[in-house]
Amino acid sequence: MLNNKVVTMDESGEMAGFAEFLAGIFAKYADDVKLEDLPDPDAFLTQKEIKKQYRVYIREVQKLLNEKDNNSIEYTFA
């Protein structure tokens, strides 16, 4: 799912000069930086969320295993 976000600026605003400067820098160095080769941010964020959920799952499994070990009955024969 892609979100298209649009930013509009008033040309007479004080940020217009800064925006033009940034646009010039991006245009000048876009080929050198190779923006096309950067990883997909959606895939990165999805992978990060999967890792986070996996850690939560493992913690819960460890809790259950520890509870099971604590509730077990130990038999000793003399």
PDB file of N, CA and C in Angstrom:
ATOM      1  N   MET A   1       0.841  -1.165   0.000  1.00  0.00           N
ATOM      2  CA  MET A   1       0.000   0.000   0.000  1.00  0.00           C
ATOM      3  C   MET A   1       0.890   1.233   0.000  1.00  0.00           C
ATOM      4  N   LEU A   2       0.756   2.028  -1.018  1.00  0.00           N
ATOM      5  CA  LEU A   2       1.568   3.229  -1.128  1.00  0.00           C
ATOM      6  C   LEU A   2       0.729   4.444  -0.772  1.00  0.00           C
ATOM      7  N   ASN A   3       1.316   5.328  -0.030  1.00  0.00           N
ATOM      8  CA  ASN A   3       0.653   6.579   0.318  1.00  0.00           C
ATOM      9  C   ASN A   3       1.291   7.683  -0.494  1.00  0.00           C
ATOM     10  N   ASN A   4       0.479   8.388  -1.242  1.00  0.00           N
ATOM     11  CA  ASN A   4       0.981   9.528  -1.986  1.00  0.00           C
ATOM     12  C   ASN A   4       0.735  10.768  -1.152  1.00  0.00           C
ATOM     13  N   LYS A   5       1.816  11.390  -0.753  1.00  0.00           N
ATOM     14  CA  LYS A   5       1.711  12.585   0.068  1.00  0.00           C
ATOM     15  C   LYS A   5       2.168  13.763  -0.765  1.00  0.00           C
ATOM     16  N   VAL A   6       1.430  14.822  -0.709  1.00  0.00           N
ATOM     17  CA  VAL A   6       1.733  16.006  -1.491  1.00  0.00           C
ATOM     18  C   VAL A   6       1.987  17.155  -0.542  1.00  0.00           C
ATOM     19  N   VAL A   7       3.055  17.870  -0.787  1.00  0.00           N
ATOM     20  CA  VAL A   7       3.377  19.050   0.004  1.00  0.00           C
ATOM     21  C   VAL A   7       3.251  20.252  -0.912  1.00  0.00           C
ATOM     22  N   THR A   8       2.466  21.206  -0.491  1.00  0.00           N
ATOM     23  CA  THR A   8       2.326  22.430  -1.278  1.00  0.00           C
ATOM     24  C   THR A   8       2.889  23.582  -0.481  1.00  0.00           C
ATOM     25  N   MET A   9       3.584  24.451  -1.184  1.00  0.00           N
ATOM     26  CA  MET A   9       4.178  25.613  -0.531  1.00  0.00           C
ATOM     27  C   MET A   9       3.768  26.863  -1.284  1.00  0.00           C
ATOM     28  N   ASP A  10       3.558  27.888  -0.551  1.00  0.00           N
ATOM     29  CA  ASP A  10       3.265  29.176  -1.137  1.00  0.00           C
ATOM     30  C   ASP A  10       4.568  29.724  -1.709  1.00  0.00           C
ATOM     31  N   GLU A  11       4.564  30.120  -2.968  1.00  0.00           N
ATOM     32  CA  GLU A  11       5.781  30.618  -3.617  1.00  0.00           C
ATOM     33  C   GLU A  11       6.338  31.855  -2.912  1.00  0.00           C
ATOM     34  N   SER A  12       5.494  32.614  -2.304  1.00  0.00           N
ATOM     35  CA  SER A  12       5.976  33.827  -1.652  1.00  0.00           C
ATOM     36  C   SER A  12       6.458  33.554  -0.226  1.00  0.00           C
ATOM     37  N   GLY A  13       6.340  32.312   0.211  1.00  0.00           N
ATOM     38  CA  GLY A  13       6.743  31.953   1.570  1.00  0.00           C
ATOM     39  C   GLY A  13       8.252  32.035   1.736  1.00  0.00           C
ATOM     40  N   GLU A  14       8.693  32.138   2.964  1.00  0.00           N
ATOM     41  CA  GLU A  14      10.122  32.266   3.241  1.00  0.00           C
ATOM     42  C   GLU A  14      10.885  30.972   2.982  1.00  0.00           C
ATOM     43  N   MET A  15      10.183  29.864   2.875  1.00  0.00           N
ATOM     44  CA  MET A  15      10.836  28.587   2.622  1.00  0.00           C
ATOM     45  C   MET A  15      11.035  28.314   1.134  1.00  0.00           C
ATOM     46  N   ALA A  16      10.507  29.157   0.264  1.00  0.00           N
ATOM     47  CA  ALA A  16      10.601  28.917  -1.175  1.00  0.00           C
ATOM     48  C   ALA A  16      12.057  28.895  -1.634  1.00  0.00           C
ATOM     49  N   GLY A  17      12.877  29.785  -1.120  1.00  0.00           N
ATOM     50  CA  GLY A  17      14.288  29.811  -1.501  1.00  0.00           C
ATOM     51  C   GLY A  17      15.010  28.553  -1.073  1.00  0.00           C
ATOM     52  N   PHE A  18      14.714  28.094   0.124  1.00  0.00           N
ATOM     53  CA  PHE A  18      15.319  26.869   0.631  1.00  0.00           C
ATOM     54  C   PHE A  18      14.870  25.667  -0.200  1.00  0.00           C
ATOM     55  N   ALA A  19      13.591  25.652  -0.564  1.00  0.00           N
ATOM     56  CA  ALA A  19      13.056  24.559  -1.375  1.00  0.00           C
ATOM     57  C   ALA A  19      13.726  24.538  -2.744  1.00  0.00           C
ATOM     58  N   GLU A  20      13.941  25.692  -3.331  1.00  0.00           N
ATOM     59  CA  GLU A  20      14.629  25.762  -4.626  1.00  0.00           C
ATOM     60  C   GLU A  20      16.070  25.278  -4.497  1.00  0.00           C
ATOM     61  N   PHE A  21      16.736  25.651  -3.413  1.00  0.00           N
ATOM     62  CA  PHE A  21      18.088  25.207  -3.169  1.00  0.00           C
ATOM     63  C   PHE A  21      18.152  23.681  -3.071  1.00  0.00           C
ATOM     64  N   LEU A  22      17.253  23.092  -2.286  1.00  0.00           N
ATOM     65  CA  LEU A  22      17.226  21.633  -2.144  1.00  0.00           C
ATOM     66  C   LEU A  22      16.920  20.952  -3.471  1.00  0.00           C
ATOM     67  N   ALA A  23      15.999  21.506  -4.222  1.00  0.00           N
ATOM     68  CA  ALA A  23      15.672  20.928  -5.527  1.00  0.00           C
ATOM     69  C   ALA A  23      16.888  20.954  -6.440  1.00  0.00           C
ATOM     70  N   GLY A  24      17.655  22.024  -6.401  1.00  0.00           N
ATOM     71  CA  GLY A  24      18.867  22.111  -7.208  1.00  0.00           C
ATOM     72  C   GLY A  24      19.902  21.097  -6.781  1.00  0.00           C
ATOM     73  N   ILE A  25      20.075  20.932  -5.485  1.00  0.00           N
ATOM     74  CA  ILE A  25      21.033  19.943  -4.975  1.00  0.00           C
ATOM     75  C   ILE A  25      20.616  18.534  -5.392  1.00  0.00           C
ATOM     76  N   PHE A  26      19.328  18.226  -5.239  1.00  0.00           N
ATOM     77  CA  PHE A  26      18.842  16.904  -5.640  1.00  0.00           C
ATOM     78  C   PHE A  26      19.062  16.671  -7.125  1.00  0.00           C
ATOM     79  N   ALA A  27      18.752  17.668  -7.940  1.00  0.00           N
ATOM     80  CA  ALA A  27      18.921  17.521  -9.381  1.00  0.00           C
ATOM     81  C   ALA A  27      20.389  17.344  -9.747  1.00  0.00           C
ATOM     82  N   LYS A  28      21.260  18.055  -9.066  1.00  0.00           N
ATOM     83  CA  LYS A  28      22.688  18.010  -9.384  1.00  0.00           C
ATOM     84  C   LYS A  28      23.314  16.675  -8.996  1.00  0.00           C
ATOM     85  N   TYR A  29      22.965  16.147  -7.856  1.00  0.00           N
ATOM     86  CA  TYR A  29      23.637  14.964  -7.326  1.00  0.00           C
ATOM     87  C   TYR A  29      22.814  13.677  -7.392  1.00  0.00           C
ATOM     88  N   ALA A  30      21.659  13.691  -8.031  1.00  0.00           N
ATOM     89  CA  ALA A  30      20.796  12.503  -8.070  1.00  0.00           C
ATOM     90  C   ALA A  30      21.494  11.325  -8.738  1.00  0.00           C
ATOM     91  N   ASP A  31      22.231  11.573  -9.813  1.00  0.00           N
ATOM     92  CA  ASP A  31      22.918  10.475 -10.499  1.00  0.00           C
ATOM     93  C   ASP A  31      24.070   9.927  -9.672  1.00  0.00           C
ATOM     94  N   ASP A  32      24.792  10.790  -8.974  1.00  0.00           N
ATOM     95  CA  ASP A  32      25.926  10.345  -8.164  1.00  0.00           C
ATOM     96  C   ASP A  32      25.479   9.522  -6.958  1.00  0.00           C
ATOM     97  N   VAL A  33      24.369   9.895  -6.365  1.00  0.00           N
ATOM     98  CA  VAL A  33      23.870   9.216  -5.166  1.00  0.00           C
ATOM     99  C   VAL A  33      23.169   7.911  -5.537  1.00  0.00           C
ATOM    100  N   LYS A  34      22.684   7.812  -6.761  1.00  0.00           N
ATOM    101  CA  LYS A  34      21.968   6.622  -7.252  1.00  0.00           C
ATOM    102  C   LYS A  34      20.758   6.323  -6.374  1.00  0.00           C
ATOM    103  N   LEU A  35      19.833   7.254  -6.352  1.00  0.00           N
ATOM    104  CA  LEU A  35      18.635   7.111  -5.534  1.00  0.00           C
ATOM    105  C   LEU A  35      17.807   5.896  -5.932  1.00  0.00           C
ATOM    106  N   GLU A  36      17.931   5.480  -7.196  1.00  0.00           N
ATOM    107  CA  GLU A  36      17.163   4.323  -7.648  1.00  0.00           C
ATOM    108  C   GLU A  36      17.625   3.034  -6.977  1.00  0.00           C
ATOM    109  N   ASP A  37      18.873   3.007  -6.515  1.00  0.00           N
ATOM    110  CA  ASP A  37      19.425   1.800  -5.913  1.00  0.00           C
ATOM    111  C   ASP A  37      19.133   1.680  -4.424  1.00  0.00           C
ATOM    112  N   LEU A  38      18.506   2.680  -3.841  1.00  0.00           N
ATOM    113  CA  LEU A  38      18.179   2.612  -2.415  1.00  0.00           C
ATOM    114  C   LEU A  38      17.109   1.554  -2.180  1.00  0.00           C
ATOM    115  N   PRO A  39      17.095   0.907  -1.017  1.00  0.00           N
ATOM    116  CA  PRO A  39      16.082  -0.117  -0.748  1.00  0.00           C
ATOM    117  C   PRO A  39      14.684   0.485  -0.649  1.00  0.00           C
ATOM    118  N   ASP A  40      13.708  -0.342  -0.930  1.00  0.00           N
ATOM    119  CA  ASP A  40      12.313   0.078  -0.855  1.00  0.00           C
ATOM    120  C   ASP A  40      11.944   0.320   0.603  1.00  0.00           C
ATOM    121  N   PRO A  41      11.494   1.525   0.956  1.00  0.00           N
ATOM    122  CA  PRO A  41      11.190   1.805   2.366  1.00  0.00           C
ATOM    123  C   PRO A  41      10.029   0.964   2.897  1.00  0.00           C
ATOM    124  N   ASP A  42       9.046   0.642   2.039  1.00  0.00           N
ATOM    125  CA  ASP A  42       7.929  -0.181   2.510  1.00  0.00           C
ATOM    126  C   ASP A  42       8.408  -1.578   2.890  1.00  0.00           C
ATOM    127  N   ALA A  43       9.294  -2.143   2.082  1.00  0.00           N
ATOM    128  CA  ALA A  43       9.826  -3.471   2.391  1.00  0.00           C
ATOM    129  C   ALA A  43      10.665  -3.423   3.666  1.00  0.00           C
ATOM    130  N   PHE A  44      11.453  -2.363   3.834  1.00  0.00           N
ATOM    131  CA  PHE A  44      12.275  -2.219   5.037  1.00  0.00           C
ATOM    132  C   PHE A  44      11.402  -2.127   6.280  1.00  0.00           C
ATOM    133  N   LEU A  45      10.365  -1.304   6.224  1.00  0.00           N
ATOM    134  CA  LEU A  45       9.491  -1.145   7.388  1.00  0.00           C
ATOM    135  C   LEU A  45       8.715  -2.420   7.686  1.00  0.00           C
ATOM    136  N   THR A  46       8.318  -3.147   6.643  1.00  0.00           N
ATOM    137  CA  THR A  46       7.624  -4.419   6.842  1.00  0.00           C
ATOM    138  C   THR A  46       8.552  -5.420   7.510  1.00  0.00           C
ATOM    139  N   GLN A  47       9.792  -5.492   7.045  1.00  0.00           N
ATOM    140  CA  GLN A  47      10.769  -6.403   7.639  1.00  0.00           C
ATOM    141  C   GLN A  47      11.043  -6.038   9.096  1.00  0.00           C
ATOM    142  N   LYS A  48      11.131  -4.750   9.380  1.00  0.00           N
ATOM    143  CA  LYS A  48      11.359  -4.295  10.751  1.00  0.00           C
ATOM    144  C   LYS A  48      10.192  -4.698  11.658  1.00  0.00           C
ATOM    145  N   GLU A  49       8.963  -4.564  11.164  1.00  0.00           N
ATOM    146  CA  GLU A  49       7.783  -4.925  11.954  1.00  0.00           C
ATOM    147  C   GLU A  49       7.728  -6.435  12.180  1.00  0.00           C
ATOM    148  N   ILE A  50       8.099  -7.217  11.162  1.00  0.00           N
ATOM    149  CA  ILE A  50       8.112  -8.673  11.312  1.00  0.00           C
ATOM    150  C   ILE A  50       9.120  -9.084  12.379  1.00  0.00           C
ATOM    151  N   LYS A  51      10.305  -8.473  12.373  1.00  0.00           N
ATOM    152  CA  LYS A  51      11.315  -8.788  13.396  1.00  0.00           C
ATOM    153  C   LYS A  51      10.809  -8.439  14.790  1.00  0.00           C
ATOM    154  N   LYS A  52      10.137  -7.303  14.897  1.00  0.00           N
ATOM    155  CA  LYS A  52       9.608  -6.872  16.190  1.00  0.00           C
ATOM    156  C   LYS A  52       8.567  -7.871  16.704  1.00  0.00           C
ATOM    157  N   GLN A  53       7.650  -8.281  15.827  1.00  0.00           N
ATOM    158  CA  GLN A  53       6.612  -9.228  16.225  1.00  0.00           C
ATOM    159  C   GLN A  53       7.208 -10.593  16.557  1.00  0.00           C
ATOM    160  N   TYR A  54       8.263 -10.986  15.840  1.00  0.00           N
ATOM    161  CA  TYR A  54       8.916 -12.264  16.120  1.00  0.00           C
ATOM    162  C   TYR A  54       9.556 -12.243  17.510  1.00  0.00           C
ATOM    163  N   ARG A  55      10.177 -11.113  17.875  1.00  0.00           N
ATOM    164  CA  ARG A  55      10.768 -11.001  19.218  1.00  0.00           C
ATOM    165  C   ARG A  55       9.700 -11.127  20.296  1.00  0.00           C
ATOM    166  N   VAL A  56       8.549 -10.500  20.069  1.00  0.00           N
ATOM    167  CA  VAL A  56       7.446 -10.593  21.030  1.00  0.00           C
ATOM    168  C   VAL A  56       6.982 -12.043  21.137  1.00  0.00           C
ATOM    169  N   TYR A  57       6.856 -12.712  20.003  1.00  0.00           N
ATOM    170  CA  TYR A  57       6.435 -14.117  19.989  1.00  0.00           C
ATOM    171  C   TYR A  57       7.419 -14.991  20.756  1.00  0.00           C
ATOM    172  N   ILE A  58       8.706 -14.816  20.511  1.00  0.00           N
ATOM    173  CA  ILE A  58       9.727 -15.627  21.189  1.00  0.00           C
ATOM    174  C   ILE A  58       9.694 -15.382  22.693  1.00  0.00           C
ATOM    175  N   ARG A  59       9.508 -14.125  23.107  1.00  0.00           N
ATOM    176  CA  ARG A  59       9.406 -13.832  24.545  1.00  0.00           C
ATOM    177  C   ARG A  59       8.239 -14.584  25.174  1.00  0.00           C
ATOM    178  N   GLU A  60       7.102 -14.601  24.492  1.00  0.00           N
ATOM    179  CA  GLU A  60       5.928 -15.293  25.017  1.00  0.00           C
ATOM    180  C   GLU A  60       6.163 -16.800  25.083  1.00  0.00           C
ATOM    181  N   VAL A  61       6.805 -17.356  24.072  1.00  0.00           N
ATOM    182  CA  VAL A  61       7.119 -18.784  24.080  1.00  0.00           C
ATOM    183  C   VAL A  61       8.055 -19.098  25.244  1.00  0.00           C
ATOM    184  N   GLN A  62       9.059 -18.252  25.456  1.00  0.00           N
ATOM    185  CA  GLN A  62       9.992 -18.468  26.566  1.00  0.00           C
ATOM    186  C   GLN A  62       9.272 -18.410  27.907  1.00  0.00           C
ATOM    187  N   LYS A  63       8.330 -17.473  28.051  1.00  0.00           N
ATOM    188  CA  LYS A  63       7.552 -17.394  29.292  1.00  0.00           C
ATOM    189  C   LYS A  63       6.781 -18.685  29.528  1.00  0.00           C
ATOM    190  N   LEU A  64       6.133 -19.183  28.470  1.00  0.00           N
ATOM    191  CA  LEU A  64       5.348 -20.415  28.611  1.00  0.00           C
ATOM    192  C   LEU A  64       6.242 -21.601  28.962  1.00  0.00           C
ATOM    193  N   LEU A  65       7.394 -21.678  28.332  1.00  0.00           N
ATOM    194  CA  LEU A  65       8.318 -22.770  28.639  1.00  0.00           C
ATOM    195  C   LEU A  65       8.831 -22.678  30.070  1.00  0.00           C
ATOM    196  N   ASN A  66       9.115 -21.478  30.536  1.00  0.00           N
ATOM    197  CA  ASN A  66       9.576 -21.307  31.917  1.00  0.00           C
ATOM    198  C   ASN A  66       8.476 -21.667  32.909  1.00  0.00           C
ATOM    199  N   GLU A  67       7.240 -21.294  32.609  1.00  0.00           N
ATOM    200  CA  GLU A  67       6.124 -21.641  33.488  1.00  0.00           C
ATOM    201  C   GLU A  67       5.925 -23.152  33.516  1.00  0.00           C
ATOM    202  N   LYS A  68       6.055 -23.782  32.350  1.00  0.00           N
ATOM    203  CA  LYS A  68       5.889 -25.230  32.280  1.00  0.00           C
ATOM    204  C   LYS A  68       6.970 -25.928  33.108  1.00  0.00           C
ATOM    205  N   ASP A  69       8.209 -25.437  33.021  1.00  0.00           N
ATOM    206  CA  ASP A  69       9.299 -26.013  33.804  1.00  0.00           C
ATOM    207  C   ASP A  69       9.078 -25.813  35.298  1.00  0.00           C
ATOM    208  N   ASN A  70       8.551 -24.679  35.687  1.00  0.00           N
ATOM    209  CA  ASN A  70       8.326 -24.401  37.109  1.00  0.00           C
ATOM    210  C   ASN A  70       7.164 -25.209  37.672  1.00  0.00           C
ATOM    211  N   ASN A  71       6.221 -25.582  36.826  1.00  0.00           N
ATOM    212  CA  ASN A  71       5.050 -26.323  37.279  1.00  0.00           C
ATOM    213  C   ASN A  71       5.232 -27.834  37.199  1.00  0.00           C
ATOM    214  N   SER A  72       6.340 -28.287  36.684  1.00  0.00           N
ATOM    215  CA  SER A  72       6.549 -29.729  36.553  1.00  0.00           C
ATOM    216  C   SER A  72       6.832 -30.338  37.927  1.00  0.00           C
ATOM    217  N   ILE A  73       6.492 -31.581  38.043  1.00  0.00           N
ATOM    218  CA  ILE A  73       6.690 -32.296  39.305  1.00  0.00           C
ATOM    219  C   ILE A  73       7.961 -33.121  39.153  1.00  0.00           C
ATOM    220  N   GLU A  74       8.812 -33.027  40.131  1.00  0.00           N
ATOM    221  CA  GLU A  74      10.051 -33.784  40.107  1.00  0.00           C
ATOM    222  C   GLU A  74       9.913 -34.999  41.003  1.00  0.00           C
ATOM    223  N   TYR A  75      10.135 -36.146  40.406  1.00  0.00           N
ATOM    224  CA  TYR A  75      10.048 -37.377  41.159  1.00  0.00           C
ATOM    225  C   TYR A  75      11.445 -37.860  41.486  1.00  0.00           C
ATOM    226  N   THR A  76      11.644 -38.236  42.724  1.00  0.00           N
ATOM    227  CA  THR A  76      12.920 -38.815  43.128  1.00  0.00           C
ATOM    228  C   THR A  76      12.639 -40.141  43.798  1.00  0.00           C
ATOM    229  N   PHE A  77      13.472 -41.111  43.499  1.00  0.00           N
ATOM    230  CA  PHE A  77      13.323 -42.425  44.105  1.00  0.00           C
ATOM    231  C   PHE A  77      14.495 -42.662  45.029  1.00  0.00           C
ATOM    232  N   ALA A  78      14.187 -43.120  46.229  1.00  0.00           N
ATOM    233  CA  ALA A  78      15.241 -43.375  47.208  1.00  0.00           C
ATOM    234  C   ALA A  78      15.525 -44.850  47.318  1.00  0.00           C
TER     235      ALA A  78
END
